[in-house]
Amino acid sequence: MLYINEIYFDMNKKKFLKKFYFRTIPIFLLGFSLGVFAIWPGIISGNSRKCFFDILKDGSDGDIKFKTILSVKPNYLLKIKNEKNKYLKILLLGDSCFRNF
């Protein structure tokens, strides 16, 4: 038991920060990026990002153009309308632009 405490608690602050910045953060960023690409494969293409930002920009003032409504599939429109959580609305909006079903 004493040996385990020596390994984990004997590390000085400089070694800890070095390990944290050069191992933990890059692994976290890589995992996050791969997760986003796995969930939304269309995020890489420019047209999908343009669709997402156009819808966000058009709907930010409260008025949505008819052309914008037609760019989203009807089943996603119903899901977005019925959702109360704003975070989930953005996820559904991302699904409608970045996933090609």
Protein backbone atom coordinates (compact mmCIF):
# COMPACT_ATOMS: atom_id res chain seq x y z
CA MET A 1 0.00 0.00 0.00
CA LEU A 2 2.85 2.34 0.79
CA TYR A 3 4.39 1.74 -2.63
CA ILE A 4 1.19 2.90 -4.41
CA ASN A 5 1.13 6.11 -2.38
CA GLU A 6 4.76 6.77 -3.27
CA ILE A 7 4.02 6.40 -6.98
CA TYR A 8 0.97 8.66 -7.10
CA PHE A 9 1.75 11.26 -4.46
CA ASP A 10 5.49 11.63 -4.94
CA MET A 11 5.03 13.38 -8.28
CA ASN A 12 5.91 17.06 -8.10
CA LYS A 13 3.78 19.76 -9.70
CA LYS A 14 6.02 20.21 -12.75
CA LYS A 15 5.87 16.52 -13.67
CA PHE A 16 2.13 16.47 -13.13
CA LEU A 17 1.55 19.47 -15.43
CA LYS A 18 3.87 18.02 -18.06
CA LYS A 19 2.00 14.72 -18.00
CA PHE A 20 -1.35 16.52 -18.04
CA TYR A 21 -0.57 18.85 -20.96
CA PHE A 22 1.30 16.40 -23.15
CA ARG A 23 -0.68 13.21 -22.53
CA THR A 24 -4.13 13.82 -21.14
CA ILE A 25 -5.27 16.85 -23.15
CA PRO A 26 -4.22 15.51 -26.60
CA ILE A 27 -5.86 12.15 -25.89
CA PHE A 28 -9.05 13.93 -24.79
CA LEU A 29 -9.09 16.17 -27.89
CA LEU A 30 -8.44 13.22 -30.20
CA GLY A 31 -11.25 11.23 -28.60
CA PHE A 32 -13.65 14.18 -28.77
CA SER A 33 -12.84 14.80 -32.45
CA LEU A 34 -13.24 11.14 -33.40
CA GLY A 35 -16.52 11.01 -31.49
CA VAL A 36 -17.94 14.04 -33.31
CA PHE A 37 -16.84 12.65 -36.69
CA ALA A 38 -18.40 9.28 -35.84
CA ILE A 39 -21.73 10.84 -34.83
CA TRP A 40 -21.89 13.45 -37.60
CA PRO A 41 -19.86 12.21 -40.60
CA GLY A 42 -21.10 15.09 -42.78
CA ILE A 43 -19.43 17.70 -40.57
CA ILE A 44 -16.35 17.48 -42.79
CA SER A 45 -18.12 18.65 -45.95
CA GLY A 46 -18.56 22.36 -46.55
CA ASN A 47 -22.18 22.12 -47.71
CA SER A 48 -23.30 20.53 -44.46
CA ARG A 49 -21.61 23.19 -42.35
CA LYS A 50 -23.11 25.89 -44.57
CA CYS A 51 -26.57 24.34 -44.04
CA PHE A 52 -26.09 24.32 -40.26
CA PHE A 53 -24.84 27.91 -40.00
CA ASP A 54 -27.46 29.23 -42.44
CA ILE A 55 -30.25 27.73 -40.34
CA LEU A 56 -28.75 29.09 -37.13
CA LYS A 57 -28.24 32.54 -38.63
CA ASP A 58 -31.72 32.65 -40.17
CA GLY A 59 -33.49 31.45 -37.02
CA SER A 60 -31.55 33.60 -34.54
CA ASP A 61 -33.79 36.63 -35.02
CA GLY A 62 -36.99 34.62 -34.61
CA ASP A 63 -38.14 34.86 -38.23
CA ILE A 64 -37.46 31.85 -40.42
CA LYS A 65 -37.67 31.95 -44.20
CA PHE A 66 -39.71 29.35 -46.05
CA LYS A 67 -36.60 28.28 -47.98
CA THR A 68 -34.89 27.42 -44.68
CA ILE A 69 -37.83 25.34 -43.52
CA LEU A 70 -37.77 23.35 -46.76
CA SER A 71 -34.06 22.58 -46.32
CA VAL A 72 -34.80 20.50 -43.18
CA LYS A 73 -36.57 17.14 -43.46
CA PRO A 74 -40.12 17.10 -42.03
CA ASN A 75 -39.45 14.47 -39.37
CA TYR A 76 -36.63 16.61 -37.95
CA LEU A 77 -38.88 19.69 -38.00
CA LEU A 78 -41.45 17.88 -35.85
CA LYS A 79 -38.78 16.66 -33.43
CA ILE A 80 -37.22 20.13 -33.15
CA LYS A 81 -40.61 21.80 -32.62
CA ASN A 82 -41.63 19.41 -29.83
CA GLU A 83 -38.30 19.55 -27.98
CA LYS A 84 -38.11 21.87 -24.94
CA ASN A 85 -34.35 21.66 -24.32
CA LYS A 86 -32.33 24.12 -26.47
CA TYR A 87 -29.26 21.88 -26.41
CA LEU A 88 -31.23 18.98 -27.88
CA LYS A 89 -32.72 21.31 -30.50
CA ILE A 90 -29.19 22.14 -31.69
CA LEU A 91 -28.30 18.43 -31.72
CA LEU A 92 -31.37 17.67 -33.84
CA LEU A 93 -30.50 20.55 -36.15
CA GLY A 94 -26.99 19.13 -36.51
CA ASP A 95 -28.47 15.72 -37.26
CA SER A 96 -30.61 17.19 -40.02
CA CYS A 97 -27.62 18.84 -41.72
CA PHE A 98 -24.72 16.50 -40.98
CA ARG A 99 -26.32 13.08 -41.34
CA ASN A 100 -27.27 12.00 -44.81
CA PHE A 101 -30.13 9.52 -44.51
